[in-house]
Amino acid sequence: MTWTFTDSLPEYRTQAGDFLTAYPAENTVLLTLLHRLEQGRLTGGDPGQAPRHGWWRPSADAPVAGAWLQTPPQGIRLSTMPVRAAVELADLLADAPDVTGVGGGTAEARAFADAWAAHTGATATVHEEQRLYRLGELAVPAVPGRLRPATPDDHELLVPWLAAFFEFVGFPGFDAVGIATQRTLAGEFFIWEDEAGRPVSLAGLSQVIVGMTRIGPVYTPPEARGHGYASAVTAGICEVARERGATEVLLYTDLANPTSNSIYQKIGFRPVADSVIINFRK
């Protein structure tokens, strides 16, 4: 078994790209991060710290069968991989000072976290247990209103909505201003307006990569909840995704939130796999 680390994004793409794109649903987060880094759109990490990445082969001459990527100070993101590869990676990174957590498939991430805690004495705490869903047959809800793309004129609306969303999901340090600006300009944010033309819900749609796109965030401010707007905006951007050529439309839910898991299944999403985000504290 062998891991290779690099600071070179082009080398990472060359070595790990085929593996990542072979499993686009399971590797959706890594593919999106890689795509945004290649576009210079790093908004979740510290621009003063270079991203770190690597890939794993079961033997020196075998194909790549695992990969990881980190945009410090965010935690490491694991691809699908054998559990033994995750354990070996934790062993190799045990002296790294900026590994703040890990996210990935439940088995892989928990194996990494257990090994990391054993090596470093850190406390590993589950931040969020998630379920990955894939769209099957779309059922569009009958909610009055319309979907429209967000524009730069929506900036003062989007920033507080995004800040509230990131606070709610436990990532208050995310750059709401930068994310609002970049994702709006990239055509990735959409707003649902009610019958009176008032913006009532927001959803994001990642760029289509090898036929895959992922929805998120989805946010409805408290005063507009209870009217089906989250379902409407999500169903609306599912139609946009397919117009853009996506064959796989994905989203993550928090398993602790039965409401979101229920509404997404009602509009046609079906479970794919479970994952977990784990934070480390020394």
C-alpha atoms as a PDB file:
ATOM      1  CA  MET A   1       0.000   0.000   0.000  1.00  0.00           C
ATOM      2  CA  THR A   2       1.326   3.455  -0.817  1.00  0.00           C
ATOM      3  CA  TRP A   3       0.237   7.076  -0.466  1.00  0.00           C
ATOM      4  CA  THR A   4       1.728   9.890  -2.553  1.00  0.00           C
ATOM      5  CA  PHE A   5       1.387  13.525  -1.469  1.00  0.00           C
ATOM      6  CA  THR A   6       1.797  16.613  -3.641  1.00  0.00           C
ATOM      7  CA  ASP A   7       1.351  20.378  -3.481  1.00  0.00           C
ATOM      8  CA  SER A   8       0.814  20.485  -7.261  1.00  0.00           C
ATOM      9  CA  LEU A   9      -2.824  20.721  -8.318  1.00  0.00           C
ATOM     10  CA  PRO A  10      -2.082  19.718 -11.958  1.00  0.00           C
ATOM     11  CA  GLU A  11      -0.202  16.631 -10.758  1.00  0.00           C
ATOM     12  CA  TYR A  12      -3.101  15.735  -8.473  1.00  0.00           C
ATOM     13  CA  ARG A  13      -5.526  16.046 -11.382  1.00  0.00           C
ATOM     14  CA  THR A  14      -3.265  13.904 -13.589  1.00  0.00           C
ATOM     15  CA  GLN A  15      -2.810  11.149 -11.018  1.00  0.00           C
ATOM     16  CA  ALA A  16      -6.168  11.071  -9.204  1.00  0.00           C
ATOM     17  CA  GLY A  17      -8.550  12.608 -11.734  1.00  0.00           C
ATOM     18  CA  ASP A  18      -9.571   9.409 -13.520  1.00  0.00           C
ATOM     19  CA  PHE A  19     -10.294   7.677 -10.213  1.00  0.00           C
ATOM     20  CA  LEU A  20     -12.378  10.575  -8.904  1.00  0.00           C
ATOM     21  CA  THR A  21     -14.430  10.878 -12.085  1.00  0.00           C
ATOM     22  CA  ALA A  22     -15.056   7.121 -12.191  1.00  0.00           C
ATOM     23  CA  TYR A  23     -17.155   7.482  -9.017  1.00  0.00           C
ATOM     24  CA  PRO A  24     -18.710  10.947  -9.374  1.00  0.00           C
ATOM     25  CA  ALA A  25     -21.467  10.514  -6.791  1.00  0.00           C
ATOM     26  CA  GLU A  26     -19.277   9.133  -4.015  1.00  0.00           C
ATOM     27  CA  ASN A  27     -16.523  11.657  -4.812  1.00  0.00           C
ATOM     28  CA  THR A  28     -18.787  14.640  -5.472  1.00  0.00           C
ATOM     29  CA  VAL A  29     -17.222  16.905  -2.839  1.00  0.00           C
ATOM     30  CA  LEU A  30     -13.644  16.263  -3.978  1.00  0.00           C
ATOM     31  CA  LEU A  31     -14.581  16.803  -7.614  1.00  0.00           C
ATOM     32  CA  THR A  32     -16.284  20.104  -6.805  1.00  0.00           C
ATOM     33  CA  LEU A  33     -13.390  21.295  -4.636  1.00  0.00           C
ATOM     34  CA  LEU A  34     -10.875  20.351  -7.319  1.00  0.00           C
ATOM     35  CA  HIS A  35     -12.887  22.139 -10.010  1.00  0.00           C
ATOM     36  CA  ARG A  36     -13.168  25.324  -7.938  1.00  0.00           C
ATOM     37  CA  LEU A  37      -9.474  25.287  -7.042  1.00  0.00           C
ATOM     38  CA  GLU A  38      -8.610  24.975 -10.720  1.00  0.00           C
ATOM     39  CA  GLN A  39     -10.819  28.014 -11.373  1.00  0.00           C
ATOM     40  CA  GLY A  40      -9.179  29.993  -8.548  1.00  0.00           C
ATOM     41  CA  ARG A  41     -12.434  30.014  -6.578  1.00  0.00           C
ATOM     42  CA  LEU A  42     -11.203  29.029  -3.110  1.00  0.00           C
ATOM     43  CA  THR A  43     -13.747  30.454  -0.640  1.00  0.00           C
ATOM     44  CA  GLY A  44     -13.786  27.917   2.182  1.00  0.00           C
ATOM     45  CA  GLY A  45     -10.094  27.911   3.024  1.00  0.00           C
ATOM     46  CA  ASP A  46      -7.344  30.319   3.988  1.00  0.00           C
ATOM     47  CA  PRO A  47      -5.810  31.843   0.829  1.00  0.00           C
ATOM     48  CA  GLY A  48      -2.521  32.049   2.719  1.00  0.00           C
ATOM     49  CA  GLN A  49      -2.345  28.256   3.074  1.00  0.00           C
ATOM     50  CA  ALA A  50      -1.861  26.078   0.027  1.00  0.00           C
ATOM     51  CA  PRO A  51      -4.273  23.194  -0.546  1.00  0.00           C
ATOM     52  CA  ARG A  52      -2.864  19.739   0.165  1.00  0.00           C
ATOM     53  CA  HIS A  53      -3.703  16.546  -1.650  1.00  0.00           C
ATOM     54  CA  GLY A  54      -2.660  12.970  -2.285  1.00  0.00           C
ATOM     55  CA  TRP A  55      -3.652   9.634  -3.779  1.00  0.00           C
ATOM     56  CA  TRP A  56      -3.393   5.996  -2.791  1.00  0.00           C
ATOM     57  CA  ARG A  57      -2.530   2.838  -4.698  1.00  0.00           C
ATOM     58  CA  PRO A  58      -2.792  -0.648  -3.181  1.00  0.00           C
ATOM     59  CA  SER A  59       0.625  -1.362  -4.740  1.00  0.00           C
ATOM     60  CA  ALA A  60       3.179   0.685  -6.625  1.00  0.00           C
ATOM     61  CA  ASP A  61       1.964  -0.408 -10.065  1.00  0.00           C
ATOM     62  CA  ALA A  62      -1.775  -0.570  -9.295  1.00  0.00           C
ATOM     63  CA  PRO A  63      -4.381   2.021 -10.338  1.00  0.00           C
ATOM     64  CA  VAL A  64      -5.286   4.805  -7.924  1.00  0.00           C
ATOM     65  CA  ALA A  65      -7.972   3.620  -5.492  1.00  0.00           C
ATOM     66  CA  GLY A  66      -8.209   6.502  -3.028  1.00  0.00           C
ATOM     67  CA  ALA A  67      -7.564  10.229  -2.715  1.00  0.00           C
ATOM     68  CA  TRP A  68      -7.782  13.110  -0.258  1.00  0.00           C
ATOM     69  CA  LEU A  69      -7.804  16.886  -0.426  1.00  0.00           C
ATOM     70  CA  GLN A  70      -7.589  19.639   2.179  1.00  0.00           C
ATOM     71  CA  THR A  71      -8.068  23.404   1.976  1.00  0.00           C
ATOM     72  CA  PRO A  72      -6.740  24.530   5.392  1.00  0.00           C
ATOM     73  CA  PRO A  73      -8.063  25.420   7.892  1.00  0.00           C
ATOM     74  CA  GLN A  74     -10.931  23.168   6.794  1.00  0.00           C
ATOM     75  CA  GLY A  75     -10.663  19.469   7.537  1.00  0.00           C
ATOM     76  CA  ILE A  76      -9.478  16.742   5.208  1.00  0.00           C
ATOM     77  CA  ARG A  77     -11.953  15.356   2.673  1.00  0.00           C
ATOM     78  CA  LEU A  78     -11.625  11.683   1.792  1.00  0.00           C
ATOM     79  CA  SER A  79     -12.706   9.970  -1.394  1.00  0.00           C
ATOM     80  CA  THR A  80     -14.223   6.547  -1.338  1.00  0.00           C
ATOM     81  CA  MET A  81     -11.352   4.209  -0.381  1.00  0.00           C
ATOM     82  CA  PRO A  82     -10.596   1.005   1.531  1.00  0.00           C
ATOM     83  CA  VAL A  83     -10.635   1.492   5.296  1.00  0.00           C
ATOM     84  CA  ARG A  84      -7.013   0.370   5.528  1.00  0.00           C
ATOM     85  CA  ALA A  85      -6.013   3.265   3.262  1.00  0.00           C
ATOM     86  CA  ALA A  86      -7.750   5.760   5.566  1.00  0.00           C
ATOM     87  CA  VAL A  87      -5.925   4.318   8.581  1.00  0.00           C
ATOM     88  CA  GLU A  88      -2.576   4.515   6.794  1.00  0.00           C
ATOM     89  CA  LEU A  89      -3.261   8.133   5.817  1.00  0.00           C
ATOM     90  CA  ALA A  90      -3.964   9.051   9.444  1.00  0.00           C
ATOM     91  CA  ASP A  91      -0.668   7.437  10.434  1.00  0.00           C
ATOM     92  CA  LEU A  92       1.253   9.421   7.819  1.00  0.00           C
ATOM     93  CA  LEU A  93      -0.370  12.749   8.732  1.00  0.00           C
ATOM     94  CA  ALA A  94      -0.112  12.323  12.501  1.00  0.00           C
ATOM     95  CA  ASP A  95       2.501  15.092  12.799  1.00  0.00           C
ATOM     96  CA  ALA A  96       0.652  17.582  10.585  1.00  0.00           C
ATOM     97  CA  PRO A  97      -0.369  20.594  12.705  1.00  0.00           C
ATOM     98  CA  ASP A  98      -3.385  21.741  10.698  1.00  0.00           C
ATOM     99  CA  VAL A  99      -5.579  18.648  10.418  1.00  0.00           C
ATOM    100  CA  THR A 100      -8.704  20.018  12.079  1.00  0.00           C
ATOM    101  CA  GLY A 101     -11.101  17.262  11.081  1.00  0.00           C
ATOM    102  CA  VAL A 102     -12.123  14.763   8.444  1.00  0.00           C
ATOM    103  CA  GLY A 103     -15.138  14.205   6.209  1.00  0.00           C
ATOM    104  CA  GLY A 104     -16.095  11.371   3.925  1.00  0.00           C
ATOM    105  CA  GLY A 105     -17.930   8.072   3.768  1.00  0.00           C
ATOM    106  CA  THR A 106     -18.876   6.909   7.256  1.00  0.00           C
ATOM    107  CA  ALA A 107     -16.550   3.891   7.384  1.00  0.00           C
ATOM    108  CA  GLU A 108     -13.549   5.710   5.905  1.00  0.00           C
ATOM    109  CA  ALA A 109     -13.910   8.896   7.966  1.00  0.00           C
ATOM    110  CA  ARG A 110     -14.476   7.051  11.247  1.00  0.00           C
ATOM    111  CA  ALA A 111     -11.462   4.809  10.597  1.00  0.00           C
ATOM    112  CA  PHE A 112      -9.306   7.878   9.923  1.00  0.00           C
ATOM    113  CA  ALA A 113     -10.622   9.630  13.041  1.00  0.00           C
ATOM    114  CA  ASP A 114     -10.022   6.626  15.292  1.00  0.00           C
ATOM    115  CA  ALA A 115      -6.451   6.244  14.030  1.00  0.00           C
ATOM    116  CA  TRP A 116      -5.827   9.992  14.274  1.00  0.00           C
ATOM    117  CA  ALA A 117      -7.081  10.129  17.871  1.00  0.00           C
ATOM    118  CA  ALA A 118      -4.941   7.124  18.819  1.00  0.00           C
ATOM    119  CA  HIS A 119      -1.797   8.704  17.339  1.00  0.00           C
ATOM    120  CA  THR A 120      -2.274  12.282  18.513  1.00  0.00           C
ATOM    121  CA  GLY A 121      -4.390  12.096  21.652  1.00  0.00           C
ATOM    122  CA  ALA A 122      -6.905  14.425  20.011  1.00  0.00           C
ATOM    123  CA  THR A 123     -10.601  14.272  20.787  1.00  0.00           C
ATOM    124  CA  ALA A 124     -12.715  13.344  17.771  1.00  0.00           C
ATOM    125  CA  THR A 125     -16.274  14.711  17.834  1.00  0.00           C
ATOM    126  CA  VAL A 126     -18.958  14.074  15.241  1.00  0.00           C
ATOM    127  CA  HIS A 127     -19.996  17.407  13.742  1.00  0.00           C
ATOM    128  CA  GLU A 128     -22.679  16.063  11.410  1.00  0.00           C
ATOM    129  CA  GLU A 129     -23.892  12.725  10.115  1.00  0.00           C
ATOM    130  CA  GLN A 130     -25.086  13.072   6.538  1.00  0.00           C
ATOM    131  CA  ARG A 131     -26.896  11.149   3.835  1.00  0.00           C
ATOM    132  CA  LEU A 132     -26.116  11.540   0.150  1.00  0.00           C
ATOM    133  CA  TYR A 133     -29.166  11.471  -2.122  1.00  0.00           C
ATOM    134  CA  ARG A 134     -29.509  11.074  -5.884  1.00  0.00           C
ATOM    135  CA  LEU A 135     -32.470  12.393  -7.873  1.00  0.00           C
ATOM    136  CA  GLY A 136     -34.701   9.742  -9.414  1.00  0.00           C
ATOM    137  CA  GLU A 137     -38.021  10.767 -10.948  1.00  0.00           C
ATOM    138  CA  LEU A 138     -38.638  14.423 -10.142  1.00  0.00           C
ATOM    139  CA  ALA A 139     -41.997  15.302  -8.561  1.00  0.00           C
ATOM    140  CA  VAL A 140     -42.484  19.069  -8.837  1.00  0.00           C
ATOM    141  CA  PRO A 141     -44.549  20.423  -5.912  1.00  0.00           C
ATOM    142  CA  ALA A 142     -47.463  22.764  -6.576  1.00  0.00           C
ATOM    143  CA  VAL A 143     -46.072  25.816  -4.799  1.00  0.00           C
ATOM    144  CA  PRO A 144     -47.060  29.271  -6.082  1.00  0.00           C
ATOM    145  CA  GLY A 145     -44.183  31.423  -7.273  1.00  0.00           C
ATOM    146  CA  ARG A 146     -41.272  31.176  -9.665  1.00  0.00           C
ATOM    147  CA  LEU A 147     -37.579  30.339  -9.842  1.00  0.00           C
ATOM    148  CA  ARG A 148     -35.059  32.874 -11.097  1.00  0.00           C
ATOM    149  CA  PRO A 149     -31.256  33.117 -11.192  1.00  0.00           C
ATOM    150  CA  ALA A 150     -29.644  35.246  -8.519  1.00  0.00           C
ATOM    151  CA  THR A 151     -27.970  38.409  -9.827  1.00  0.00           C
ATOM    152  CA  PRO A 152     -25.419  40.829  -8.356  1.00  0.00           C
ATOM    153  CA  ASP A 153     -28.391  42.996  -7.329  1.00  0.00           C
ATOM    154  CA  ASP A 154     -29.282  40.253  -4.816  1.00  0.00           C
ATOM    155  CA  HIS A 155     -25.932  40.511  -3.016  1.00  0.00           C
ATOM    156  CA  GLU A 156     -27.243  42.322   0.062  1.00  0.00           C
ATOM    157  CA  LEU A 157     -29.922  39.651   0.426  1.00  0.00           C
ATOM    158  CA  LEU A 158     -27.668  36.655  -0.182  1.00  0.00           C
ATOM    159  CA  VAL A 159     -24.899  37.561   2.264  1.00  0.00           C
ATOM    160  CA  PRO A 160     -27.022  37.509   5.449  1.00  0.00           C
ATOM    161  CA  TRP A 161     -28.903  34.440   4.241  1.00  0.00           C
ATOM    162  CA  LEU A 162     -25.630  32.583   3.639  1.00  0.00           C
ATOM    163  CA  ALA A 163     -24.174  33.772   6.942  1.00  0.00           C
ATOM    164  CA  ALA A 164     -27.272  32.481   8.738  1.00  0.00           C
ATOM    165  CA  PHE A 165     -27.034  29.163   6.905  1.00  0.00           C
ATOM    166  CA  PHE A 166     -23.344  28.691   7.735  1.00  0.00           C
ATOM    167  CA  GLU A 167     -24.006  29.590  11.374  1.00  0.00           C
ATOM    168  CA  PHE A 168     -26.826  27.049  11.516  1.00  0.00           C
ATOM    169  CA  VAL A 169     -24.730  24.193  10.087  1.00  0.00           C
ATOM    170  CA  GLY A 170     -21.760  24.997  12.311  1.00  0.00           C
ATOM    171  CA  PHE A 171     -19.385  26.687   9.866  1.00  0.00           C
ATOM    172  CA  PRO A 172     -19.621  30.357  10.920  1.00  0.00           C
ATOM    173  CA  GLY A 173     -16.146  31.150   9.563  1.00  0.00           C
ATOM    174  CA  PHE A 174     -17.108  30.568   5.939  1.00  0.00           C
ATOM    175  CA  ASP A 175     -16.792  33.632   3.707  1.00  0.00           C
ATOM    176  CA  ALA A 176     -20.427  34.505   2.983  1.00  0.00           C
ATOM    177  CA  VAL A 177     -19.445  37.631   1.039  1.00  0.00           C
ATOM    178  CA  GLY A 178     -16.978  35.827  -1.220  1.00  0.00           C
ATOM    179  CA  ILE A 179     -19.250  32.843  -1.751  1.00  0.00           C
ATOM    180  CA  ALA A 180     -22.206  35.085  -2.618  1.00  0.00           C
ATOM    181  CA  THR A 181     -20.113  36.997  -5.133  1.00  0.00           C
ATOM    182  CA  GLN A 182     -18.380  34.062  -6.806  1.00  0.00           C
ATOM    183  CA  ARG A 183     -21.290  31.653  -6.995  1.00  0.00           C
ATOM    184  CA  THR A 184     -23.686  34.323  -8.264  1.00  0.00           C
ATOM    185  CA  LEU A 185     -21.274  35.285 -11.041  1.00  0.00           C
ATOM    186  CA  ALA A 186     -20.814  31.587 -11.871  1.00  0.00           C
ATOM    187  CA  GLY A 187     -24.578  31.142 -12.291  1.00  0.00           C
ATOM    188  CA  GLU A 188     -24.790  28.774  -9.326  1.00  0.00           C
ATOM    189  CA  PHE A 189     -27.354  30.544  -7.100  1.00  0.00           C
ATOM    190  CA  PHE A 190     -31.113  30.588  -7.633  1.00  0.00           C
ATOM    191  CA  ILE A 191     -33.939  32.293  -5.750  1.00  0.00           C
ATOM    192  CA  TRP A 192     -37.570  31.315  -5.348  1.00  0.00           C
ATOM    193  CA  GLU A 193     -39.983  34.251  -5.401  1.00  0.00           C
ATOM    194  CA  ASP A 194     -43.503  34.025  -4.005  1.00  0.00           C
ATOM    195  CA  GLU A 195     -46.582  35.209  -5.890  1.00  0.00           C
ATOM    196  CA  ALA A 196     -45.914  38.790  -4.810  1.00  0.00           C
ATOM    197  CA  GLY A 197     -42.378  38.676  -6.226  1.00  0.00           C
ATOM    198  CA  ARG A 198     -40.695  38.534  -2.810  1.00  0.00           C
ATOM    199  CA  PRO A 199     -37.498  36.426  -2.514  1.00  0.00           C
ATOM    200  CA  VAL A 200     -38.309  33.642  -0.040  1.00  0.00           C
ATOM    201  CA  SER A 201     -35.757  30.842  -0.560  1.00  0.00           C
ATOM    202  CA  LEU A 202     -32.247  30.236  -1.922  1.00  0.00           C
ATOM    203  CA  ALA A 203     -30.549  27.207  -3.426  1.00  0.00           C
ATOM    204  CA  GLY A 204     -27.129  26.601  -4.933  1.00  0.00           C
ATOM    205  CA  LEU A 205     -26.242  24.317  -7.834  1.00  0.00           C
ATOM    206  CA  SER A 206     -22.637  23.336  -8.503  1.00  0.00           C
ATOM    207  CA  GLN A 207     -21.107  23.274 -11.966  1.00  0.00           C
ATOM    208  CA  VAL A 208     -21.767  20.072 -13.925  1.00  0.00           C
ATOM    209  CA  ILE A 209     -18.694  17.814 -13.749  1.00  0.00           C
ATOM    210  CA  VAL A 210     -18.678  14.511 -15.693  1.00  0.00           C
ATOM    211  CA  GLY A 211     -22.486  14.661 -15.700  1.00  0.00           C
ATOM    212  CA  MET A 212     -22.729  15.245 -11.943  1.00  0.00           C
ATOM    213  CA  THR A 213     -23.977  18.306 -10.072  1.00  0.00           C
ATOM    214  CA  ARG A 214     -24.761  18.855  -6.392  1.00  0.00           C
ATOM    215  CA  ILE A 215     -27.402  21.040  -4.773  1.00  0.00           C
ATOM    216  CA  GLY A 216     -26.510  23.159  -1.756  1.00  0.00           C
ATOM    217  CA  PRO A 217     -26.942  25.201   0.221  1.00  0.00           C
ATOM    218  CA  VAL A 218     -30.726  25.355   0.484  1.00  0.00           C
ATOM    219  CA  TYR A 219     -31.942  28.091   2.818  1.00  0.00           C
ATOM    220  CA  THR A 220     -35.299  29.620   3.674  1.00  0.00           C
ATOM    221  CA  PRO A 221     -35.345  32.437   6.259  1.00  0.00           C
ATOM    222  CA  PRO A 222     -37.434  31.677   9.377  1.00  0.00           C
ATOM    223  CA  GLU A 223     -40.218  34.095   8.497  1.00  0.00           C
ATOM    224  CA  ALA A 224     -40.830  32.317   5.157  1.00  0.00           C
ATOM    225  CA  ARG A 225     -40.796  28.720   6.363  1.00  0.00           C
ATOM    226  CA  GLY A 226     -43.743  26.355   6.321  1.00  0.00           C
ATOM    227  CA  HIS A 227     -44.931  27.160   2.800  1.00  0.00           C
ATOM    228  CA  GLY A 228     -42.989  24.572   0.770  1.00  0.00           C
ATOM    229  CA  TYR A 229     -40.488  27.055  -0.632  1.00  0.00           C
ATOM    230  CA  ALA A 230     -37.459  24.823   0.041  1.00  0.00           C
ATOM    231  CA  SER A 231     -39.116  22.016  -1.920  1.00  0.00           C
ATOM    232  CA  ALA A 232     -40.025  24.418  -4.715  1.00  0.00           C
ATOM    233  CA  VAL A 233     -36.583  25.965  -5.102  1.00  0.00           C
ATOM    234  CA  THR A 234     -34.932  22.532  -4.972  1.00  0.00           C
ATOM    235  CA  ALA A 235     -37.260  21.053  -7.587  1.00  0.00           C
ATOM    236  CA  GLY A 236     -36.769  24.135  -9.727  1.00  0.00           C
ATOM    237  CA  ILE A 237     -32.998  23.849  -9.811  1.00  0.00           C
ATOM    238  CA  CYS A 238     -33.278  20.116 -10.493  1.00  0.00           C
ATOM    239  CA  GLU A 239     -34.901  21.106 -13.775  1.00  0.00           C
ATOM    240  CA  VAL A 240     -32.104  23.625 -14.389  1.00  0.00           C
ATOM    241  CA  ALA A 241     -29.528  20.912 -13.673  1.00  0.00           C
ATOM    242  CA  ARG A 242     -30.993  18.636 -16.306  1.00  0.00           C
ATOM    243  CA  GLU A 243     -31.188  21.498 -18.785  1.00  0.00           C
ATOM    244  CA  ARG A 244     -27.455  21.978 -18.179  1.00  0.00           C
ATOM    245  CA  GLY A 245     -26.758  18.354 -19.036  1.00  0.00           C
ATOM    246  CA  ALA A 246     -26.542  16.760 -15.604  1.00  0.00           C
ATOM    247  CA  THR A 247     -27.319  13.060 -15.485  1.00  0.00           C
ATOM    248  CA  GLU A 248     -26.724  12.811 -11.731  1.00  0.00           C
ATOM    249  CA  VAL A 249     -28.262  15.422  -9.419  1.00  0.00           C
ATOM    250  CA  LEU A 250     -27.070  14.987  -5.839  1.00  0.00           C
ATOM    251  CA  LEU A 251     -27.534  16.579  -2.445  1.00  0.00           C
ATOM    252  CA  TYR A 252     -26.528  15.972   1.169  1.00  0.00           C
ATOM    253  CA  THR A 253     -28.844  16.127   4.160  1.00  0.00           C
ATOM    254  CA  ASP A 254     -28.221  16.243   7.889  1.00  0.00           C
ATOM    255  CA  LEU A 255     -29.503  12.940   9.275  1.00  0.00           C
ATOM    256  CA  ALA A 256     -30.528  14.775  12.446  1.00  0.00           C
ATOM    257  CA  ASN A 257     -32.997  16.880  10.428  1.00  0.00           C
ATOM    258  CA  PRO A 258     -36.004  14.673   9.587  1.00  0.00           C
ATOM    259  CA  THR A 259     -37.784  17.544   7.834  1.00  0.00           C
ATOM    260  CA  SER A 260     -35.184  17.983   5.105  1.00  0.00           C
ATOM    261  CA  ASN A 261     -34.796  14.229   4.620  1.00  0.00           C
ATOM    262  CA  SER A 262     -38.561  13.929   4.182  1.00  0.00           C
ATOM    263  CA  ILE A 263     -39.082  16.812   1.745  1.00  0.00           C
ATOM    264  CA  TYR A 264     -36.262  15.761  -0.553  1.00  0.00           C
ATOM    265  CA  GLN A 265     -37.553  12.201  -0.756  1.00  0.00           C
ATOM    266  CA  LYS A 266     -41.026  13.519  -1.595  1.00  0.00           C
ATOM    267  CA  ILE A 267     -39.689  15.329  -4.668  1.00  0.00           C
ATOM    268  CA  GLY A 268     -37.782  12.300  -5.925  1.00  0.00           C
ATOM    269  CA  PHE A 269     -34.425  11.949  -4.158  1.00  0.00           C
ATOM    270  CA  ARG A 270     -33.255   8.473  -3.160  1.00  0.00           C
ATOM    271  CA  PRO A 271     -30.479   7.507  -0.699  1.00  0.00           C
ATOM    272  CA  VAL A 272     -27.027   6.650  -2.034  1.00  0.00           C
ATOM    273  CA  ALA A 273     -24.678   6.465   0.959  1.00  0.00           C
ATOM    274  CA  ASP A 274     -24.048   7.880   4.416  1.00  0.00           C
ATOM    275  CA  SER A 275     -21.130  10.098   5.369  1.00  0.00           C
ATOM    276  CA  VAL A 276     -19.876  11.970   8.393  1.00  0.00           C
ATOM    277  CA  ILE A 277     -17.940  15.118   9.285  1.00  0.00           C
ATOM    278  CA  ILE A 278     -15.729  14.765  12.371  1.00  0.00           C
ATOM    279  CA  ASN A 279     -13.861  17.574  14.146  1.00  0.00           C
ATOM    280  CA  PHE A 280     -10.587  17.168  16.061  1.00  0.00           C
ATOM    281  CA  ARG A 281      -9.563  19.030  19.195  1.00  0.00           C
ATOM    282  CA  LYS A 282      -6.274  18.586  21.044  1.00  0.00           C
END
